Amino acid sequence: MKTYKISEETVKKILLYTAKALPDRPGEHGMKASDVKGYFYEFIRVLTNAINTELENIVNGVTSDINIHDLSDAAHDDIRKLITALGEKDGEIDGKIEDLKEKDTELGNSIGNQINTHNESDEAHSDIREEITDNIKAHNDSTEAHSDIRELIKTAQERADDAHNLASGKSKIYPMHDYDVFIGSLNTESEKYNVGDMFIFDDKQAPDFMLFEKDVEFDVDKDDVEITGNVIPNGVEFAPGMRIVINGIRFVIQESGYDMSKLATDEELQLAKAELSQETAKVDEKADEIIEDMKVKESIFAKVESTASEITLEAHKEYNLGLITTLLLSLPDETSGMESIVNFRTGATAPTFDAPSEIVFSGDDCSGGRFYPITHRIYEINVKEVLGVLVAKVGSCDYEVIE
């Protein structure tokens, strides 16, 4: 059985996409805030790919081991020997039966019948059956069976949970009054904290601590300080970039980016929520009044659904004609203040179109003041009297693209 784990090379590759790769003062190196933010989530993709790769290796390894086990001549060697021994015994019995048949014909087929009864009995070789059953059950119930696979799955699950917490926004910010409270909390309730959690302090000069990894051991090659008691060792001063291990939890220290004076208490938050609810209720009430007022107001353009191929335009009307093959527009006797809209769609054949020469067309599929519709398009024509001239603005989009 191979032991699978994420290699140190892969870990280093992942770290290149984390905040560890940032300089101490990104701004002085020309990095923008958006660049810095990327280092707090970009590594998730690299980490997830590494986990998926190792999980696939585990599955392939387990499948391979099972296949090897199934094909091995040594697998369940004791059972194979028992079966072989039984075969030999059966051979001996067959020989003795033949001898008995020859010596004592009176027995007839009685021995054969007894053997058939033996073979068909559920009680035959009950001791062997019970032993095999007990051994298999003990194997299945044992917490030691396949312990390496169990440990790999546990580790992969923990890493997946950490990545999920970061990706789903479950990481939290924990304000702390001082370092003693911080260390005491880690020693008594560390299970409630997750990878990505931030710890900020009342002292404006104190840097922030980001929970980087859980269930670790202090590594002198990577970590700067290990705190094993309830207080900070003498002479230790925390600075951005340091790596600290407390109660099996590794932290990366960062420059302080939070002002605790801006944090609200639960009481203040509840009051603010109550005030917000009141204001929201007022806004909703006003919105309902506006909606009711809008319902009684008539639209400036009356909607006209029609399939007619000849339309006499009227002021303040919007004509929805659907799919057309031919269209003739006409004008009323009075065009002062004229303003109307014509909507339609063309099919696989370009439609015939005609309109009074008084209307000047411009926009899509227009040339020389005239409009020439083409196939497979949706058109909107806005006709409006402007300074005594009837102007038609044409807009369109390809219907094939929409479909």
Protein backbone atom coordinates (compact mmCIF):
# COMPACT_ATOMS: atom_id res chain seq x y z
CA MET A 1 0.00 0.00 0.00
CA LYS A 2 1.46 3.32 -1.01
CA THR A 3 1.21 6.29 1.34
CA TYR A 4 -0.23 9.27 -0.50
CA LYS A 5 0.25 12.81 0.63
CA ILE A 6 0.56 16.24 -0.87
CA SER A 7 4.24 16.71 -1.60
CA GLU A 8 6.37 19.47 -0.17
CA GLU A 9 6.89 20.74 -3.72
CA THR A 10 3.12 21.07 -4.18
CA VAL A 11 2.80 22.80 -0.79
CA LYS A 12 5.46 25.30 -1.82
CA LYS A 13 3.64 25.86 -5.10
CA ILE A 14 0.41 26.54 -3.20
CA LEU A 15 2.20 28.98 -0.88
CA LEU A 16 3.25 30.99 -3.95
CA TYR A 17 -0.42 31.87 -4.40
CA THR A 18 -0.98 32.89 -0.76
CA ALA A 19 -0.26 35.99 1.27
CA LYS A 20 3.09 34.47 2.24
CA ALA A 21 4.37 35.40 -1.23
CA LEU A 22 3.57 39.09 -0.66
CA PRO A 23 6.29 41.54 0.29
CA ASP A 24 6.02 43.12 3.72
CA ARG A 25 4.73 46.34 2.23
CA PRO A 26 3.01 45.55 -1.05
CA GLY A 27 2.19 49.19 -1.74
CA GLU A 28 5.86 50.14 -1.85
CA HIS A 29 6.38 47.50 -4.54
CA GLY A 30 3.69 48.96 -6.76
CA MET A 31 0.99 46.45 -5.85
CA LYS A 32 -2.61 47.61 -5.76
CA ALA A 33 -5.22 46.51 -3.24
CA SER A 34 -6.88 44.35 -5.93
CA ASP A 35 -3.53 42.60 -6.53
CA VAL A 36 -3.11 41.90 -2.81
CA LYS A 37 -6.66 40.57 -2.43
CA GLY A 38 -5.99 37.93 -5.07
CA TYR A 39 -3.42 36.29 -2.81
CA PHE A 40 -6.15 35.50 -0.24
CA TYR A 41 -8.19 33.26 -2.54
CA GLU A 42 -6.16 32.43 -5.67
CA PHE A 43 -4.41 29.55 -3.86
CA ILE A 44 -7.81 27.79 -3.41
CA ARG A 45 -7.76 26.62 -7.04
CA VAL A 46 -4.20 25.28 -6.71
CA LEU A 47 -5.00 23.61 -3.35
CA THR A 48 -8.22 22.08 -4.70
CA ASN A 49 -6.40 20.67 -7.75
CA ALA A 50 -3.75 19.15 -5.45
CA ILE A 51 -6.41 17.57 -3.22
CA ASN A 52 -8.32 16.21 -6.23
CA THR A 53 -5.10 14.72 -7.62
CA GLU A 54 -4.25 12.99 -4.31
CA LEU A 55 -7.83 11.71 -3.89
CA GLU A 56 -7.67 10.26 -7.41
CA ASN A 57 -4.33 8.63 -6.55
CA ILE A 58 -5.88 7.15 -3.39
CA VAL A 59 -8.83 5.71 -5.32
CA ASN A 60 -6.54 4.30 -8.01
CA GLY A 61 -4.22 2.87 -5.34
CA VAL A 62 -7.04 1.20 -3.42
CA THR A 63 -8.48 -0.25 -6.64
CA SER A 64 -5.07 -1.56 -7.63
CA ASP A 65 -4.48 -3.13 -4.21
CA ILE A 66 -7.88 -4.84 -4.26
CA ASN A 67 -7.19 -6.23 -7.76
CA ILE A 68 -3.80 -7.52 -6.64
CA HIS A 69 -5.40 -9.02 -3.53
CA ASP A 70 -8.09 -10.75 -5.63
CA LEU A 71 -5.54 -12.22 -8.06
CA SER A 72 -3.00 -13.26 -5.42
CA ASP A 73 -2.51 -16.97 -4.84
CA ALA A 74 -1.55 -16.18 -1.24
CA ALA A 75 -4.84 -14.34 -0.45
CA HIS A 76 -6.82 -16.24 2.18
CA ASP A 77 -4.26 -19.03 2.02
CA ASP A 78 -5.73 -20.67 5.14
CA ILE A 79 -9.18 -20.96 3.53
CA ARG A 80 -7.69 -22.32 0.32
CA LYS A 81 -5.83 -24.97 2.33
CA LEU A 82 -9.03 -25.91 4.19
CA ILE A 83 -10.87 -26.28 0.89
CA THR A 84 -8.04 -28.38 -0.54
CA ALA A 85 -8.05 -30.52 2.59
CA LEU A 86 -11.79 -30.98 2.31
CA GLY A 87 -11.38 -32.04 -1.31
CA GLU A 88 -8.83 -34.62 -0.26
CA LYS A 89 -11.12 -35.84 2.49
CA ASP A 90 -14.00 -36.11 0.04
CA GLY A 91 -11.74 -38.19 -2.21
CA GLU A 92 -10.91 -40.50 0.65
CA ILE A 93 -14.57 -40.80 1.55
CA ASP A 94 -15.47 -41.62 -2.07
CA GLY A 95 -12.88 -44.42 -2.04
CA LYS A 96 -14.20 -45.84 1.19
CA ILE A 97 -17.77 -45.68 -0.12
CA GLU A 98 -16.77 -47.70 -3.15
CA ASP A 99 -15.14 -50.28 -0.89
CA LEU A 100 -18.22 -50.42 1.32
CA LYS A 101 -20.48 -50.82 -1.70
CA GLU A 102 -18.45 -53.77 -2.86
CA LYS A 103 -18.30 -55.40 0.61
CA ASP A 104 -21.82 -54.75 1.70
CA THR A 105 -24.43 -54.50 -1.03
CA GLU A 106 -27.12 -54.39 1.63
CA LEU A 107 -26.29 -50.83 2.35
CA GLY A 108 -27.40 -49.99 -1.18
CA ASN A 109 -27.67 -46.31 -1.80
CA SER A 110 -28.09 -45.39 1.86
CA ILE A 111 -24.61 -43.91 2.15
CA GLY A 112 -25.13 -41.89 -1.04
CA ASN A 113 -28.36 -40.52 0.33
CA GLN A 114 -26.67 -39.58 3.58
CA ILE A 115 -23.89 -37.79 1.70
CA ASN A 116 -26.47 -35.82 -0.33
CA THR A 117 -28.19 -34.85 2.89
CA HIS A 118 -24.84 -33.74 4.30
CA ASN A 119 -24.02 -31.60 1.27
CA GLU A 120 -27.41 -29.93 1.27
CA SER A 121 -27.42 -29.23 5.02
CA ASP A 122 -26.86 -25.66 6.27
CA GLU A 123 -25.22 -27.19 9.35
CA ALA A 124 -22.45 -28.94 7.39
CA HIS A 125 -19.04 -27.61 8.41
CA SER A 126 -20.73 -25.08 10.69
CA ASP A 127 -17.48 -24.51 12.58
CA ILE A 128 -15.68 -23.42 9.40
CA ARG A 129 -18.60 -21.21 8.32
CA GLU A 130 -18.76 -19.54 11.73
CA GLU A 131 -14.99 -18.96 11.80
CA ILE A 132 -14.99 -17.36 8.35
CA THR A 133 -17.98 -15.18 9.22
CA ASP A 134 -16.43 -14.08 12.52
CA ASN A 135 -13.10 -13.26 10.88
CA ILE A 136 -14.73 -11.14 8.17
CA LYS A 137 -16.89 -9.31 10.72
CA ALA A 138 -13.88 -8.64 12.96
CA HIS A 139 -12.02 -7.24 9.94
CA ASN A 140 -14.92 -4.97 8.97
CA ASP A 141 -15.44 -3.72 12.53
CA SER A 142 -11.76 -3.12 13.25
CA THR A 143 -10.67 0.52 13.45
CA GLU A 144 -7.13 -0.63 12.56
CA ALA A 145 -8.11 -2.21 9.22
CA HIS A 146 -6.76 -0.10 6.35
CA SER A 147 -5.66 2.55 8.88
CA ASP A 148 -3.41 4.23 6.29
CA ILE A 149 -6.36 4.77 3.95
CA ARG A 150 -8.52 6.04 6.80
CA GLU A 151 -5.84 8.54 7.80
CA LEU A 152 -5.41 9.79 4.22
CA ILE A 153 -9.16 10.24 3.83
CA LYS A 154 -9.32 12.10 7.15
CA THR A 155 -6.51 14.44 6.08
CA ALA A 156 -8.09 15.03 2.67
CA GLN A 157 -11.45 15.75 4.31
CA GLU A 158 -9.86 18.28 6.68
CA ARG A 159 -8.14 20.05 3.79
CA ALA A 160 -11.36 20.05 1.76
CA ASP A 161 -13.26 21.49 4.75
CA ASP A 162 -10.67 24.25 5.12
CA ALA A 163 -10.91 25.14 1.42
CA HIS A 164 -14.71 25.03 1.59
CA ASN A 165 -14.76 27.36 4.62
CA LEU A 166 -12.62 29.89 2.77
CA ALA A 167 -14.56 29.63 -0.50
CA SER A 168 -17.99 29.86 1.15
CA GLY A 169 -17.09 32.83 3.32
CA LYS A 170 -17.21 31.02 6.69
CA SER A 171 -13.96 32.56 7.89
CA LYS A 172 -14.55 35.12 10.63
CA ILE A 173 -12.90 38.05 12.37
CA TYR A 174 -12.42 37.71 16.13
CA PRO A 175 -11.69 40.91 18.10
CA MET A 176 -9.45 40.28 21.11
CA HIS A 177 -8.67 42.67 24.01
CA ASP A 178 -5.09 41.45 24.40
CA TYR A 179 -2.70 38.57 23.67
CA ASP A 180 -3.47 36.78 26.98
CA VAL A 181 -7.16 36.49 26.07
CA PHE A 182 -6.15 35.35 22.58
CA ILE A 183 -3.82 32.58 23.82
CA GLY A 184 -6.28 31.45 26.50
CA SER A 185 -9.05 31.12 23.91
CA LEU A 186 -6.84 28.96 21.68
CA ASN A 187 -6.02 26.65 24.58
CA THR A 188 -9.65 26.19 25.65
CA GLU A 189 -11.84 26.41 22.54
CA SER A 190 -9.58 25.98 19.51
CA GLU A 191 -12.10 23.71 17.77
CA LYS A 192 -14.40 26.64 16.93
CA TYR A 193 -11.77 28.40 14.81
CA ASN A 194 -11.24 27.68 11.10
CA VAL A 195 -8.51 28.25 8.53
CA GLY A 196 -8.70 31.84 7.30
CA ASP A 197 -10.04 33.31 10.55
CA MET A 198 -8.53 36.67 11.52
CA PHE A 199 -7.72 37.79 15.07
CA ILE A 200 -7.44 41.54 15.70
CA PHE A 201 -6.49 43.35 18.90
CA ASP A 202 -7.56 46.44 20.82
CA ASP A 203 -4.02 47.85 20.63
CA LYS A 204 -3.72 49.78 17.35
CA GLN A 205 -0.02 48.90 17.16
CA ALA A 206 -0.65 45.14 17.45
CA PRO A 207 -0.55 43.25 14.13
CA ASP A 208 -3.28 40.85 13.04
CA PHE A 209 -3.06 37.04 13.26
CA MET A 210 -4.42 34.89 10.42
CA LEU A 211 -5.14 31.21 11.15
CA PHE A 212 -3.13 29.46 8.43
CA GLU A 213 -3.19 25.76 9.39
CA LYS A 214 -4.48 23.46 12.14
CA ASP A 215 -3.19 20.24 13.71
CA VAL A 216 0.48 21.02 13.06
CA GLU A 217 3.74 20.66 14.93
CA PHE A 218 6.29 23.43 15.41
CA ASP A 219 8.83 23.43 12.57
CA VAL A 220 12.07 25.22 13.37
CA ASP A 221 12.77 25.66 9.66
CA LYS A 222 9.47 27.39 8.95
CA ASP A 223 8.14 28.80 12.22
CA ASP A 224 9.52 31.62 14.37
CA VAL A 225 7.92 31.12 17.80
CA GLU A 226 6.00 28.36 19.59
CA ILE A 227 3.83 29.36 22.56
CA THR A 228 3.19 26.37 24.81
CA GLY A 229 1.86 28.07 27.93
CA ASN A 230 -0.73 30.76 28.59
CA VAL A 231 1.57 33.78 28.24
CA ILE A 232 3.98 35.16 25.65
CA PRO A 233 7.62 34.17 26.22
CA ASN A 234 9.84 36.99 27.45
CA GLY A 235 11.45 39.10 24.78
CA VAL A 236 9.07 38.04 21.99
CA GLU A 237 7.73 40.87 19.84
CA PHE A 238 5.25 40.09 17.12
CA ALA A 239 5.85 41.54 13.66
CA PRO A 240 4.23 41.10 10.22
CA GLY A 241 5.55 38.06 8.38
CA MET A 242 6.24 35.95 11.48
CA ARG A 243 4.83 32.42 11.80
CA ILE A 244 3.57 31.46 15.26
CA VAL A 245 2.39 28.03 16.51
CA ILE A 246 -0.03 27.90 19.47
CA ASN A 247 -1.68 24.66 20.63
CA GLY A 248 -1.03 22.96 17.27
CA ILE A 249 -2.36 25.94 15.25
CA ARG A 250 -0.10 27.89 12.90
CA PHE A 251 -0.70 31.63 12.44
CA VAL A 252 0.77 34.08 9.95
CA ILE A 253 1.12 37.61 11.35
CA GLN A 254 0.04 40.48 9.11
CA GLU A 255 -0.01 44.24 9.33
CA SER A 256 -3.04 45.53 11.19
CA GLY A 257 -5.82 46.40 8.75
CA TYR A 258 -8.74 46.76 11.15
CA ASP A 259 -9.81 49.59 13.45
CA MET A 260 -11.68 48.11 16.42
CA SER A 261 -13.26 51.49 17.09
CA LYS A 262 -15.29 50.85 13.92
CA LEU A 263 -16.71 47.58 15.27
CA ALA A 264 -20.18 47.66 16.76
CA THR A 265 -21.43 45.74 19.79
CA ASP A 266 -24.31 43.30 19.49
CA GLU A 267 -26.56 45.79 21.30
CA GLU A 268 -25.65 48.58 18.89
CA LEU A 269 -26.15 46.23 15.96
CA GLN A 270 -29.60 45.20 17.16
CA LEU A 271 -30.62 48.86 17.57
CA ALA A 272 -29.34 49.62 14.10
CA LYS A 273 -31.27 46.66 12.71
CA ALA A 274 -34.45 47.87 14.42
CA GLU A 275 -34.01 51.39 12.99
CA LEU A 276 -33.25 49.92 9.56
CA SER A 277 -36.40 47.80 9.74
CA GLN A 278 -38.46 50.87 10.56
CA GLU A 279 -36.96 52.85 7.69
CA THR A 280 -37.38 49.88 5.35
CA ALA A 281 -41.04 49.63 6.32
CA LYS A 282 -41.49 53.32 5.52
CA VAL A 283 -39.80 52.87 2.14
CA ASP A 284 -41.96 49.82 1.38
CA GLU A 285 -45.08 51.74 2.32
CA LYS A 286 -44.08 54.64 0.07
CA ALA A 287 -43.23 52.24 -2.75
CA ASP A 288 -46.68 50.65 -2.45
CA GLU A 289 -48.25 54.12 -2.70
CA ILE A 290 -46.20 54.89 -5.80
CA ILE A 291 -47.16 51.56 -7.37
CA GLU A 292 -50.83 52.25 -6.74
CA ASP A 293 -50.46 55.76 -8.24
CA MET A 294 -48.75 54.31 -11.31
CA LYS A 295 -51.58 51.83 -11.82
CA VAL A 296 -54.11 54.64 -12.30
CA LYS A 297 -51.90 56.62 -14.69
CA GLU A 298 -52.37 55.98 -18.39
CA SER A 299 -49.27 55.08 -20.40
CA ILE A 300 -48.19 57.81 -22.82
CA PHE A 301 -48.16 55.16 -25.56
CA ALA A 302 -51.22 52.99 -25.94
CA LYS A 303 -50.30 49.42 -26.96
CA VAL A 304 -51.87 48.18 -30.21
CA GLU A 305 -51.56 44.50 -31.13
CA SER A 306 -52.22 44.01 -34.85
CA THR A 307 -51.50 41.68 -37.78
CA ALA A 308 -52.63 44.17 -40.44
CA SER A 309 -50.29 44.87 -43.32
CA GLU A 310 -51.54 48.48 -43.68
CA ILE A 311 -51.27 50.83 -40.70
CA THR A 312 -52.39 54.46 -40.41
CA LEU A 313 -50.19 55.94 -37.73
CA GLU A 314 -51.79 57.73 -34.78
CA ALA A 315 -50.06 59.88 -32.18
CA HIS A 316 -48.97 58.23 -28.92
CA LYS A 317 -49.57 54.67 -30.05
CA GLU A 318 -47.16 51.71 -30.17
CA TYR A 319 -47.95 49.08 -32.81
CA ASN A 320 -46.79 45.49 -32.27
CA LEU A 321 -47.22 43.72 -35.61
CA GLY A 322 -45.30 40.45 -35.13
CA LEU A 323 -43.90 38.64 -38.20
CA ILE A 324 -44.64 40.51 -41.45
CA THR A 325 -44.15 39.87 -45.16
CA THR A 326 -45.45 43.27 -46.32
CA LEU A 327 -46.12 46.61 -44.59
CA LEU A 328 -47.56 49.91 -45.74
CA LEU A 329 -47.51 52.91 -43.38
CA SER A 330 -49.88 55.85 -43.82
CA LEU A 331 -50.18 59.22 -42.06
CA PRO A 332 -53.27 60.90 -40.54
CA ASP A 333 -54.44 64.27 -41.80
CA GLU A 334 -52.88 66.05 -38.82
CA THR A 335 -49.26 65.21 -38.07
CA SER A 336 -48.42 68.06 -35.66
CA GLY A 337 -47.07 66.54 -32.45
CA MET A 338 -46.94 63.12 -34.11
CA GLU A 339 -45.06 60.52 -32.06
CA SER A 340 -45.60 56.78 -32.53
CA ILE A 341 -43.70 53.47 -32.50
CA VAL A 342 -43.90 50.50 -34.88
CA ASN A 343 -42.43 47.09 -33.91
CA PHE A 344 -42.21 44.03 -36.18
CA ARG A 345 -40.09 41.03 -37.18
CA THR A 346 -38.96 39.77 -40.59
CA GLY A 347 -38.65 36.16 -41.71
CA ALA A 348 -36.58 34.24 -44.24
CA THR A 349 -37.76 36.53 -47.08
CA ALA A 350 -37.21 40.28 -47.04
CA PRO A 351 -40.62 42.02 -46.74
CA THR A 352 -41.94 44.74 -48.99
CA PHE A 353 -42.15 48.09 -47.22
CA ASP A 354 -43.58 51.46 -48.17
CA ALA A 355 -44.19 54.72 -46.35
CA PRO A 356 -45.10 58.34 -47.26
CA SER A 357 -42.21 60.38 -48.64
CA GLU A 358 -42.79 62.94 -45.85
CA ILE A 359 -41.16 60.53 -43.42
CA VAL A 360 -37.34 60.69 -43.38
CA PHE A 361 -35.79 57.40 -42.23
CA SER A 362 -32.37 57.04 -40.57
CA GLY A 363 -30.57 54.30 -38.65
CA ASP A 364 -30.27 50.56 -39.34
CA ASP A 365 -30.83 49.41 -42.94
CA CYS A 366 -31.64 52.95 -44.09
CA SER A 367 -30.19 54.79 -47.08
CA GLY A 368 -31.03 58.17 -48.63
CA GLY A 369 -33.85 58.77 -46.16
CA ARG A 370 -35.59 55.49 -47.04
CA PHE A 371 -35.89 52.22 -45.11
CA TYR A 372 -35.07 48.81 -46.64
CA PRO A 373 -35.78 45.96 -44.17
CA ILE A 374 -33.85 42.68 -44.57
CA THR A 375 -34.40 39.09 -43.41
CA HIS A 376 -34.35 37.66 -39.88
CA ARG A 377 -34.42 40.89 -37.90
CA ILE A 378 -36.51 42.61 -35.24
CA TYR A 379 -37.17 46.30 -35.99
CA GLU A 380 -38.34 49.25 -33.91
CA ILE A 381 -39.31 52.43 -35.84
CA ASN A 382 -39.79 55.61 -33.79
CA VAL A 383 -41.69 58.21 -35.81
CA LYS A 384 -41.64 61.73 -34.39
CA GLU A 385 -42.43 65.26 -35.62
CA VAL A 386 -39.28 67.34 -35.04
CA LEU A 387 -39.30 71.03 -36.06
CA GLY A 388 -41.98 70.32 -38.62
CA VAL A 389 -40.19 67.29 -40.10
CA LEU A 390 -41.34 63.71 -39.61
CA VAL A 391 -38.24 61.78 -38.56
CA ALA A 392 -38.21 57.96 -38.28
CA LYS A 393 -35.37 56.46 -36.25
CA VAL A 394 -34.85 52.72 -37.01
CA GLY A 395 -33.22 50.29 -34.57
CA SER A 396 -32.78 46.53 -35.07
CA CYS A 397 -31.16 43.31 -33.90
CA ASP A 398 -30.62 39.92 -35.56
CA TYR A 399 -33.43 37.52 -34.67
CA GLU A 400 -31.22 34.50 -35.46
CA VAL A 401 -28.87 35.57 -32.66
CA ILE A 402 -31.76 35.74 -30.19
CA GLU A 403 -33.01 32.28 -31.17
